[in-house]
Amino acid sequence: MNICVFLSAADLDDRYTVPAREFAELLGRGGHTLVWGGSESGLMKVVADGVQSAGGRLVGVSVDFLAAKARTDADEMVIARDLAERKALLLAKADAVVIMVGGTGTLDEATEILELKKHGKHTKPVVLLNTAGFYDGLRQQFQRMEDEGFLPLPLTDLVFFAKDGVGALAYLEESAGLR
């Protein structure tokens, strides 16, 4: 399965890097392909290293202004013209999406993917990996949106919140009929 992972390129502490590495190794051992922003820095590097060391493939989609930070030993690397093209390519190359910890770029990617799913533009499973409770506030906001009628379908049809990588991967494999 090609699993797109949206996440930070920042250097983060162990409460985020250790679970990210564990999740990445699960992907690699499972024979999955990581589809990611292609960066050779921060948490993006941690995940790519973990997938690759465990036998998985790497498909990167970088963007023109970040091409100098792109991983050179990925199995495939595409350089998009801009962020909009990058997001479209990432989604097109993926069978499923996992949103890990990140900043405004990750939040932008997450909300766009969910908006597209809400409007039926894709039906791929989406997981928010809630490492160390990072997305507790967002989950609360989404629940309020559902409760107050802002979502045209149940929140559970849009996104699955996983507390760890094992739960995230189990959900994705079950969604794909691999379990």
N, C-alpha and C. Protein backbone atom coordinates (compact mmCIF):
# COMPACT_ATOMS: atom_id res chain seq x y z
N MET A 1 0.85 -1.17 0.00
CA MET A 1 0.00 0.00 0.00
C MET A 1 0.90 1.24 0.00
N ASN A 2 0.52 2.23 -0.78
CA ASN A 2 1.22 3.52 -0.78
C ASN A 2 0.56 4.42 0.27
N ILE A 3 1.32 4.75 1.29
CA ILE A 3 0.77 5.53 2.41
C ILE A 3 1.42 6.89 2.43
N CYS A 4 0.61 7.91 2.17
CA CYS A 4 1.08 9.30 2.24
C CYS A 4 1.11 9.72 3.69
N VAL A 5 2.22 10.29 4.10
CA VAL A 5 2.34 10.80 5.46
C VAL A 5 2.66 12.28 5.40
N PHE A 6 1.78 13.07 5.99
CA PHE A 6 2.02 14.51 6.15
C PHE A 6 2.60 14.71 7.54
N LEU A 7 3.72 15.44 7.64
CA LEU A 7 4.37 15.64 8.92
C LEU A 7 5.39 16.75 8.84
N SER A 8 5.94 17.07 9.97
CA SER A 8 6.89 18.18 10.09
C SER A 8 8.26 17.82 9.56
N ALA A 9 8.95 18.85 9.07
CA ALA A 9 10.36 18.71 8.69
C ALA A 9 11.25 19.31 9.77
N ALA A 10 10.65 19.65 10.92
CA ALA A 10 11.41 20.24 12.02
C ALA A 10 12.09 19.14 12.85
N ASP A 11 13.18 19.51 13.49
CA ASP A 11 13.83 18.62 14.45
C ASP A 11 13.04 18.68 15.74
N LEU A 12 12.55 17.53 16.19
CA LEU A 12 11.68 17.47 17.36
C LEU A 12 12.26 16.54 18.41
N ASP A 13 11.70 16.61 19.62
CA ASP A 13 12.23 15.80 20.70
C ASP A 13 11.70 14.36 20.64
N ASP A 14 12.21 13.55 21.55
CA ASP A 14 11.93 12.11 21.55
C ASP A 14 10.46 11.75 21.67
N ARG A 15 9.65 12.58 22.31
CA ARG A 15 8.23 12.19 22.45
C ARG A 15 7.54 12.13 21.10
N TYR A 16 8.12 12.78 20.08
CA TYR A 16 7.59 12.70 18.72
C TYR A 16 8.44 11.82 17.81
N THR A 17 9.76 11.86 17.97
CA THR A 17 10.61 11.11 17.05
C THR A 17 10.57 9.59 17.30
N VAL A 18 10.52 9.19 18.55
CA VAL A 18 10.51 7.75 18.85
C VAL A 18 9.24 7.09 18.29
N PRO A 19 8.03 7.61 18.56
CA PRO A 19 6.84 6.98 17.97
C PRO A 19 6.82 7.07 16.44
N ALA A 20 7.37 8.15 15.88
CA ALA A 20 7.42 8.29 14.42
C ALA A 20 8.31 7.21 13.82
N ARG A 21 9.44 6.98 14.43
CA ARG A 21 10.36 5.95 13.95
C ARG A 21 9.71 4.56 14.05
N GLU A 22 9.03 4.30 15.15
CA GLU A 22 8.36 3.01 15.34
C GLU A 22 7.30 2.79 14.25
N PHE A 23 6.51 3.84 13.98
CA PHE A 23 5.48 3.76 12.94
C PHE A 23 6.14 3.51 11.58
N ALA A 24 7.21 4.22 11.30
CA ALA A 24 7.92 4.07 10.03
C ALA A 24 8.42 2.65 9.84
N GLU A 25 8.97 2.07 10.89
CA GLU A 25 9.48 0.71 10.81
C GLU A 25 8.34 -0.29 10.57
N LEU A 26 7.17 -0.04 11.14
CA LEU A 26 6.01 -0.87 10.88
C LEU A 26 5.63 -0.81 9.39
N LEU A 27 5.67 0.40 8.83
CA LEU A 27 5.35 0.55 7.41
C LEU A 27 6.33 -0.24 6.55
N GLY A 28 7.61 -0.07 6.83
CA GLY A 28 8.63 -0.76 6.06
C GLY A 28 8.54 -2.27 6.16
N ARG A 29 8.40 -2.77 7.40
CA ARG A 29 8.30 -4.22 7.61
C ARG A 29 7.05 -4.79 6.94
N GLY A 30 6.01 -3.97 6.86
CA GLY A 30 4.76 -4.40 6.23
C GLY A 30 4.82 -4.37 4.71
N GLY A 31 5.94 -3.92 4.16
CA GLY A 31 6.09 -3.87 2.72
C GLY A 31 5.41 -2.68 2.07
N HIS A 32 5.10 -1.68 2.87
CA HIS A 32 4.40 -0.50 2.35
C HIS A 32 5.39 0.52 1.79
N THR A 33 4.86 1.41 0.99
CA THR A 33 5.64 2.50 0.41
C THR A 33 5.26 3.80 1.10
N LEU A 34 6.27 4.55 1.54
CA LEU A 34 6.06 5.87 2.11
C LEU A 34 6.00 6.89 0.98
N VAL A 35 4.92 7.63 0.94
CA VAL A 35 4.77 8.77 0.03
C VAL A 35 4.80 9.99 0.94
N TRP A 36 5.82 10.84 0.77
CA TRP A 36 5.99 11.95 1.72
C TRP A 36 6.61 13.14 1.04
N GLY A 37 6.75 14.23 1.76
CA GLY A 37 7.24 15.48 1.22
C GLY A 37 8.67 15.48 0.74
N GLY A 38 9.36 14.37 0.89
CA GLY A 38 10.67 14.19 0.30
C GLY A 38 11.84 14.83 1.01
N SER A 39 11.60 15.46 2.14
CA SER A 39 12.66 16.20 2.82
C SER A 39 13.63 15.27 3.53
N GLU A 40 14.87 15.72 3.59
CA GLU A 40 15.94 15.01 4.28
C GLU A 40 16.24 15.68 5.62
N SER A 41 15.21 16.28 6.22
CA SER A 41 15.43 16.95 7.50
C SER A 41 14.29 16.66 8.48
N GLY A 42 14.62 16.81 9.75
CA GLY A 42 13.63 16.71 10.82
C GLY A 42 12.89 15.39 10.87
N LEU A 43 11.63 15.49 11.26
CA LEU A 43 10.79 14.31 11.41
C LEU A 43 10.59 13.60 10.07
N MET A 44 10.60 14.35 8.97
CA MET A 44 10.49 13.71 7.65
C MET A 44 11.64 12.74 7.42
N LYS A 45 12.83 13.13 7.83
CA LYS A 45 14.00 12.26 7.70
C LYS A 45 13.88 11.05 8.60
N VAL A 46 13.44 11.25 9.83
CA VAL A 46 13.27 10.14 10.78
C VAL A 46 12.36 9.07 10.19
N VAL A 47 11.24 9.50 9.63
CA VAL A 47 10.28 8.55 9.08
C VAL A 47 10.84 7.87 7.83
N ALA A 48 11.44 8.64 6.94
CA ALA A 48 12.01 8.04 5.73
C ALA A 48 13.12 7.04 6.08
N ASP A 49 13.97 7.39 7.03
CA ASP A 49 15.03 6.47 7.47
C ASP A 49 14.43 5.18 8.01
N GLY A 50 13.39 5.31 8.83
CA GLY A 50 12.76 4.14 9.43
C GLY A 50 12.12 3.23 8.40
N VAL A 51 11.41 3.80 7.45
CA VAL A 51 10.77 3.00 6.40
C VAL A 51 11.84 2.29 5.57
N GLN A 52 12.84 3.05 5.14
CA GLN A 52 13.88 2.49 4.28
C GLN A 52 14.69 1.40 4.99
N SER A 53 15.04 1.62 6.25
CA SER A 53 15.84 0.63 6.97
C SER A 53 15.06 -0.66 7.22
N ALA A 54 13.72 -0.58 7.21
CA ALA A 54 12.89 -1.76 7.44
C ALA A 54 12.42 -2.39 6.12
N GLY A 55 12.95 -1.92 5.00
CA GLY A 55 12.66 -2.56 3.72
C GLY A 55 11.57 -1.95 2.88
N GLY A 56 11.02 -0.80 3.30
CA GLY A 56 9.97 -0.15 2.52
C GLY A 56 10.54 0.76 1.44
N ARG A 57 9.69 1.16 0.53
CA ARG A 57 10.08 2.06 -0.55
C ARG A 57 9.76 3.50 -0.16
N LEU A 58 10.49 4.43 -0.81
CA LEU A 58 10.31 5.86 -0.57
C LEU A 58 9.93 6.57 -1.86
N VAL A 59 8.79 7.25 -1.84
CA VAL A 59 8.37 8.08 -2.96
C VAL A 59 8.20 9.50 -2.42
N GLY A 60 9.10 10.37 -2.84
CA GLY A 60 9.08 11.75 -2.36
C GLY A 60 8.46 12.70 -3.37
N VAL A 61 7.77 13.70 -2.84
CA VAL A 61 7.25 14.79 -3.67
C VAL A 61 7.67 16.08 -2.98
N SER A 62 8.75 16.64 -3.48
CA SER A 62 9.24 17.90 -2.94
C SER A 62 8.64 19.04 -3.74
N VAL A 63 9.07 20.23 -3.43
CA VAL A 63 8.58 21.41 -4.14
C VAL A 63 9.79 22.24 -4.56
N ASP A 64 9.64 22.96 -5.63
CA ASP A 64 10.73 23.71 -6.25
C ASP A 64 11.63 24.43 -5.24
N PHE A 65 11.03 25.20 -4.35
CA PHE A 65 11.82 26.02 -3.43
C PHE A 65 12.46 25.23 -2.29
N LEU A 66 12.13 23.93 -2.18
CA LEU A 66 12.75 23.07 -1.17
C LEU A 66 13.56 21.94 -1.79
N ALA A 67 13.75 21.97 -3.09
CA ALA A 67 14.41 20.87 -3.80
C ALA A 67 15.81 20.59 -3.27
N ALA A 68 16.50 21.60 -2.76
CA ALA A 68 17.85 21.40 -2.23
C ALA A 68 17.84 20.52 -0.97
N LYS A 69 16.69 20.40 -0.31
CA LYS A 69 16.57 19.58 0.90
C LYS A 69 15.98 18.21 0.61
N ALA A 70 15.76 17.89 -0.66
CA ALA A 70 15.15 16.62 -1.03
C ALA A 70 16.12 15.47 -0.81
N ARG A 71 15.59 14.35 -0.40
CA ARG A 71 16.38 13.14 -0.16
C ARG A 71 16.92 12.60 -1.48
N THR A 72 18.19 12.31 -1.51
CA THR A 72 18.82 11.89 -2.77
C THR A 72 18.71 10.39 -3.04
N ASP A 73 18.44 9.58 -2.02
CA ASP A 73 18.38 8.13 -2.24
C ASP A 73 16.96 7.57 -2.19
N ALA A 74 15.96 8.41 -2.44
CA ALA A 74 14.58 7.92 -2.51
C ALA A 74 14.42 7.05 -3.75
N ASP A 75 13.50 6.11 -3.71
CA ASP A 75 13.23 5.27 -4.86
C ASP A 75 12.66 6.09 -6.02
N GLU A 76 11.93 7.13 -5.67
CA GLU A 76 11.36 8.04 -6.66
C GLU A 76 11.27 9.42 -6.02
N MET A 77 11.61 10.46 -6.78
CA MET A 77 11.48 11.83 -6.28
C MET A 77 10.92 12.70 -7.39
N VAL A 78 9.85 13.39 -7.08
CA VAL A 78 9.22 14.32 -8.00
C VAL A 78 9.35 15.71 -7.39
N ILE A 79 9.64 16.69 -8.23
CA ILE A 79 9.72 18.08 -7.77
C ILE A 79 8.53 18.84 -8.35
N ALA A 80 7.62 19.26 -7.49
CA ALA A 80 6.44 20.01 -7.92
C ALA A 80 6.77 21.49 -8.07
N ARG A 81 5.99 22.17 -8.88
CA ARG A 81 6.18 23.62 -9.09
C ARG A 81 5.84 24.44 -7.84
N ASP A 82 4.79 24.02 -7.14
CA ASP A 82 4.33 24.79 -5.99
C ASP A 82 3.63 23.86 -5.00
N LEU A 83 3.21 24.43 -3.87
CA LEU A 83 2.61 23.61 -2.81
C LEU A 83 1.29 22.97 -3.24
N ALA A 84 0.51 23.68 -4.04
CA ALA A 84 -0.77 23.12 -4.50
C ALA A 84 -0.54 21.88 -5.35
N GLU A 85 0.42 21.95 -6.28
CA GLU A 85 0.74 20.80 -7.11
C GLU A 85 1.30 19.66 -6.25
N ARG A 86 2.10 20.02 -5.26
CA ARG A 86 2.68 19.01 -4.38
C ARG A 86 1.59 18.22 -3.66
N LYS A 87 0.62 18.93 -3.09
CA LYS A 87 -0.46 18.25 -2.37
C LYS A 87 -1.25 17.34 -3.30
N ALA A 88 -1.52 17.82 -4.51
CA ALA A 88 -2.27 17.01 -5.47
C ALA A 88 -1.49 15.75 -5.85
N LEU A 89 -0.19 15.88 -6.07
CA LEU A 89 0.64 14.72 -6.41
C LEU A 89 0.73 13.73 -5.26
N LEU A 90 0.89 14.24 -4.05
CA LEU A 90 0.95 13.35 -2.88
C LEU A 90 -0.33 12.52 -2.77
N LEU A 91 -1.47 13.17 -2.91
CA LEU A 91 -2.74 12.45 -2.82
C LEU A 91 -2.89 11.47 -3.97
N ALA A 92 -2.50 11.86 -5.17
CA ALA A 92 -2.64 10.99 -6.34
C ALA A 92 -1.79 9.73 -6.21
N LYS A 93 -0.63 9.82 -5.58
CA LYS A 93 0.28 8.69 -5.46
C LYS A 93 -0.06 7.79 -4.27
N ALA A 94 -1.04 8.18 -3.46
CA ALA A 94 -1.33 7.47 -2.22
C ALA A 94 -2.61 6.65 -2.28
N ASP A 95 -2.60 5.55 -1.51
CA ASP A 95 -3.81 4.76 -1.30
C ASP A 95 -4.48 5.15 0.01
N ALA A 96 -3.73 5.78 0.90
CA ALA A 96 -4.21 6.18 2.22
C ALA A 96 -3.36 7.33 2.71
N VAL A 97 -3.86 8.05 3.72
CA VAL A 97 -3.17 9.23 4.24
C VAL A 97 -3.08 9.13 5.76
N VAL A 98 -1.87 9.44 6.28
CA VAL A 98 -1.66 9.55 7.72
C VAL A 98 -1.14 10.95 7.99
N ILE A 99 -1.75 11.61 8.95
CA ILE A 99 -1.32 12.95 9.34
C ILE A 99 -0.64 12.82 10.70
N MET A 100 0.65 13.13 10.71
CA MET A 100 1.43 13.07 11.94
C MET A 100 1.61 14.49 12.47
N VAL A 101 2.38 14.65 13.52
CA VAL A 101 2.58 15.96 14.12
C VAL A 101 3.25 16.90 13.13
N GLY A 102 2.86 18.18 13.21
CA GLY A 102 3.44 19.16 12.31
C GLY A 102 2.91 20.55 12.60
N GLY A 103 3.38 21.49 11.82
CA GLY A 103 3.01 22.89 11.97
C GLY A 103 1.93 23.30 10.99
N THR A 104 2.00 24.54 10.54
CA THR A 104 0.95 25.09 9.68
C THR A 104 0.88 24.37 8.33
N GLY A 105 2.02 23.95 7.79
CA GLY A 105 1.99 23.22 6.52
C GLY A 105 1.25 21.91 6.65
N THR A 106 1.50 21.18 7.72
CA THR A 106 0.83 19.91 7.96
C THR A 106 -0.66 20.13 8.19
N LEU A 107 -1.00 21.18 8.94
CA LEU A 107 -2.40 21.49 9.18
C LEU A 107 -3.11 21.85 7.87
N ASP A 108 -2.43 22.60 7.01
CA ASP A 108 -2.99 22.95 5.70
C ASP A 108 -3.25 21.68 4.89
N GLU A 109 -2.28 20.78 4.87
CA GLU A 109 -2.44 19.54 4.12
C GLU A 109 -3.59 18.71 4.70
N ALA A 110 -3.67 18.63 6.01
CA ALA A 110 -4.72 17.85 6.66
C ALA A 110 -6.11 18.39 6.32
N THR A 111 -6.28 19.69 6.45
CA THR A 111 -7.61 20.25 6.20
C THR A 111 -8.00 20.14 4.74
N GLU A 112 -7.03 20.29 3.82
CA GLU A 112 -7.37 20.13 2.41
C GLU A 112 -7.78 18.70 2.09
N ILE A 113 -7.04 17.74 2.61
CA ILE A 113 -7.37 16.33 2.37
C ILE A 113 -8.76 16.00 2.92
N LEU A 114 -9.07 16.51 4.10
CA LEU A 114 -10.38 16.25 4.70
C LEU A 114 -11.49 16.97 3.94
N GLU A 115 -11.22 18.16 3.47
CA GLU A 115 -12.22 18.90 2.68
C GLU A 115 -12.51 18.17 1.37
N LEU A 116 -11.47 17.68 0.71
CA LEU A 116 -11.67 16.92 -0.52
C LEU A 116 -12.46 15.64 -0.25
N LYS A 117 -12.17 14.99 0.86
CA LYS A 117 -12.91 13.77 1.21
C LYS A 117 -14.37 14.10 1.51
N LYS A 118 -14.58 15.18 2.22
CA LYS A 118 -15.94 15.61 2.56
C LYS A 118 -16.79 15.81 1.30
N HIS A 119 -16.17 16.31 0.25
CA HIS A 119 -16.89 16.57 -1.00
C HIS A 119 -16.84 15.41 -1.99
N GLY A 120 -16.34 14.26 -1.52
CA GLY A 120 -16.33 13.07 -2.36
C GLY A 120 -15.27 13.08 -3.46
N LYS A 121 -14.25 13.91 -3.33
CA LYS A 121 -13.20 13.98 -4.35
C LYS A 121 -12.17 12.86 -4.17
N HIS A 122 -12.20 12.19 -3.04
CA HIS A 122 -11.44 10.96 -2.83
C HIS A 122 -12.11 10.18 -1.71
N THR A 123 -11.83 8.89 -1.67
CA THR A 123 -12.42 8.02 -0.64
C THR A 123 -11.34 7.29 0.15
N LYS A 124 -10.12 7.81 0.07
CA LYS A 124 -8.99 7.15 0.74
C LYS A 124 -9.12 7.29 2.26
N PRO A 125 -8.74 6.25 3.00
CA PRO A 125 -8.78 6.38 4.46
C PRO A 125 -7.77 7.43 4.93
N VAL A 126 -8.19 8.20 5.93
CA VAL A 126 -7.35 9.24 6.51
C VAL A 126 -7.25 8.99 8.01
N VAL A 127 -6.00 8.99 8.50
CA VAL A 127 -5.74 8.78 9.92
C VAL A 127 -5.01 9.99 10.48
N LEU A 128 -5.48 10.49 11.59
CA LEU A 128 -4.74 11.48 12.36
C LEU A 128 -4.03 10.73 13.47
N LEU A 129 -2.72 10.66 13.39
CA LEU A 129 -1.92 9.97 14.40
C LEU A 129 -1.66 10.94 15.53
N ASN A 130 -2.37 10.74 16.63
CA ASN A 130 -2.42 11.68 17.74
C ASN A 130 -1.31 11.41 18.77
N THR A 131 -0.08 11.48 18.32
CA THR A 131 1.08 11.22 19.18
C THR A 131 1.13 12.20 20.34
N ALA A 132 1.26 11.68 21.55
CA ALA A 132 1.38 12.49 22.78
C ALA A 132 0.23 13.49 22.91
N GLY A 133 -0.95 13.12 22.38
CA GLY A 133 -2.12 14.00 22.49
C GLY A 133 -2.02 15.27 21.66
N PHE A 134 -1.12 15.29 20.68
CA PHE A 134 -0.86 16.50 19.90
C PHE A 134 -2.12 17.06 19.26
N TYR A 135 -3.01 16.19 18.79
CA TYR A 135 -4.21 16.65 18.09
C TYR A 135 -5.47 16.61 18.95
N ASP A 136 -5.33 16.56 20.27
CA ASP A 136 -6.52 16.57 21.14
C ASP A 136 -7.40 17.79 20.90
N GLY A 137 -6.80 18.95 20.77
CA GLY A 137 -7.57 20.17 20.54
C GLY A 137 -8.28 20.17 19.19
N LEU A 138 -7.60 19.67 18.17
CA LEU A 138 -8.21 19.59 16.84
C LEU A 138 -9.36 18.59 16.84
N ARG A 139 -9.15 17.49 17.54
CA ARG A 139 -10.23 16.50 17.64
C ARG A 139 -11.46 17.12 18.31
N GLN A 140 -11.23 17.89 19.36
CA GLN A 140 -12.33 18.56 20.05
C GLN A 140 -13.03 19.54 19.11
N GLN A 141 -12.26 20.28 18.31
CA GLN A 141 -12.86 21.22 17.37
C GLN A 141 -13.67 20.49 16.30
N PHE A 142 -13.13 19.40 15.76
CA PHE A 142 -13.88 18.62 14.78
C PHE A 142 -15.17 18.08 15.38
N GLN A 143 -15.11 17.62 16.63
CA GLN A 143 -16.31 17.09 17.28
C GLN A 143 -17.36 18.19 17.43
N ARG A 144 -16.90 19.39 17.76
CA ARG A 144 -17.84 20.52 17.86
C ARG A 144 -18.46 20.83 16.50
N MET A 145 -17.65 20.78 15.44
CA MET A 145 -18.17 21.00 14.09
C MET A 145 -19.26 19.98 13.77
N GLU A 146 -19.01 18.72 14.12
CA GLU A 146 -20.02 17.69 13.86
C GLU A 146 -21.27 17.93 14.71
N ASP A 147 -21.07 18.18 16.01
CA ASP A 147 -22.19 18.36 16.93
C ASP A 147 -23.08 19.55 16.54
N GLU A 148 -22.46 20.59 15.99
CA GLU A 148 -23.22 21.81 15.67
C GLU A 148 -23.64 21.89 14.20
N GLY A 149 -23.48 20.78 13.47
CA GLY A 149 -24.02 20.69 12.12
C GLY A 149 -23.15 21.24 11.00
N PHE A 150 -21.86 21.43 11.25
CA PHE A 150 -20.98 21.96 10.22
C PHE A 150 -20.43 20.88 9.28
N LEU A 151 -20.56 19.62 9.66
CA LEU A 151 -20.06 18.54 8.82
C LEU A 151 -21.25 17.80 8.21
N PRO A 152 -21.23 17.61 6.89
CA PRO A 152 -22.37 16.95 6.24
C PRO A 152 -22.38 15.43 6.40
N LEU A 153 -21.33 14.88 7.00
CA LEU A 153 -21.28 13.45 7.27
C LEU A 153 -20.59 13.24 8.61
N PRO A 154 -20.74 12.07 9.18
CA PRO A 154 -20.13 11.83 10.49
C PRO A 154 -18.61 11.98 10.46
N LEU A 155 -18.06 12.51 11.53
CA LEU A 155 -16.62 12.69 11.66
C LEU A 155 -15.89 11.37 11.43
N THR A 156 -16.46 10.27 11.90
CA THR A 156 -15.82 8.97 11.75
C THR A 156 -15.72 8.54 10.28
N ASP A 157 -16.53 9.11 9.40
CA ASP A 157 -16.42 8.83 7.97
C ASP A 157 -15.30 9.65 7.32
N LEU A 158 -14.88 10.73 7.98
CA LEU A 158 -13.83 11.59 7.44
C LEU A 158 -12.44 11.16 7.88
N VAL A 159 -12.30 10.86 9.18
CA VAL A 159 -10.96 10.66 9.73
C VAL A 159 -11.02 9.70 10.91
N PHE A 160 -9.97 8.91 11.04
CA PHE A 160 -9.82 8.02 12.19
C PHE A 160 -8.69 8.56 13.04
N PHE A 161 -8.96 8.75 14.32
CA PHE A 161 -7.93 9.21 15.26
C PHE A 161 -7.27 7.98 15.88
N ALA A 162 -5.96 7.87 15.69
CA ALA A 162 -5.20 6.75 16.26
C ALA A 162 -4.25 7.29 17.31
N LYS A 163 -4.14 6.59 18.43
CA LYS A 163 -3.24 7.05 19.49
C LYS A 163 -1.81 6.60 19.26
N ASP A 164 -1.64 5.57 18.40
CA ASP A 164 -0.28 5.08 18.13
C ASP A 164 -0.20 4.50 16.73
N GLY A 165 1.03 4.22 16.31
CA GLY A 165 1.28 3.71 14.97
C GLY A 165 0.67 2.35 14.71
N VAL A 166 0.63 1.50 15.72
CA VAL A 166 0.04 0.17 15.56
C VAL A 166 -1.44 0.31 15.21
N GLY A 167 -2.15 1.18 15.93
CA GLY A 167 -3.56 1.40 15.65
C GLY A 167 -3.79 2.04 14.29
N ALA A 168 -2.91 2.97 13.93
CA ALA A 168 -3.04 3.64 12.63
C ALA A 168 -2.88 2.63 11.49
N LEU A 169 -1.84 1.82 11.56
CA LEU A 169 -1.58 0.87 10.49
C LEU A 169 -2.66 -0.22 10.45
N ALA A 170 -3.13 -0.66 11.59
CA ALA A 170 -4.20 -1.67 11.63
C ALA A 170 -5.44 -1.13 10.93
N TYR A 171 -5.80 0.11 11.22
CA TYR A 171 -6.97 0.73 10.57
C TYR A 171 -6.78 0.79 9.06
N LEU A 172 -5.61 1.24 8.61
CA LEU A 172 -5.36 1.36 7.18
C LEU A 172 -5.40 0.00 6.49
N GLU A 173 -4.75 -0.99 7.08
CA GLU A 173 -4.74 -2.32 6.47
C GLU A 173 -6.13 -2.94 6.45
N GLU A 174 -6.89 -2.70 7.50
CA GLU A 174 -8.28 -3.21 7.54
C GLU A 174 -9.11 -2.50 6.47
N SER A 175 -8.94 -1.20 6.33
CA SER A 175 -9.67 -0.43 5.31
C SER A 175 -9.35 -0.92 3.90
N ALA A 176 -8.12 -1.38 3.70
CA ALA A 176 -7.69 -1.86 2.38
C ALA A 176 -7.96 -3.35 2.19
N GLY A 177 -8.56 -4.00 3.19
CA GLY A 177 -8.84 -5.42 3.09
C GLY A 177 -7.61 -6.30 3.24
N LEU A 178 -6.57 -5.76 3.88
CA LEU A 178 -5.35 -6.54 4.05
C LEU A 178 -5.32 -7.29 5.39
N ARG A 179 -6.33 -7.11 6.20
CA ARG A 179 -6.42 -7.81 7.50
C ARG A 179 -7.71 -8.57 7.58
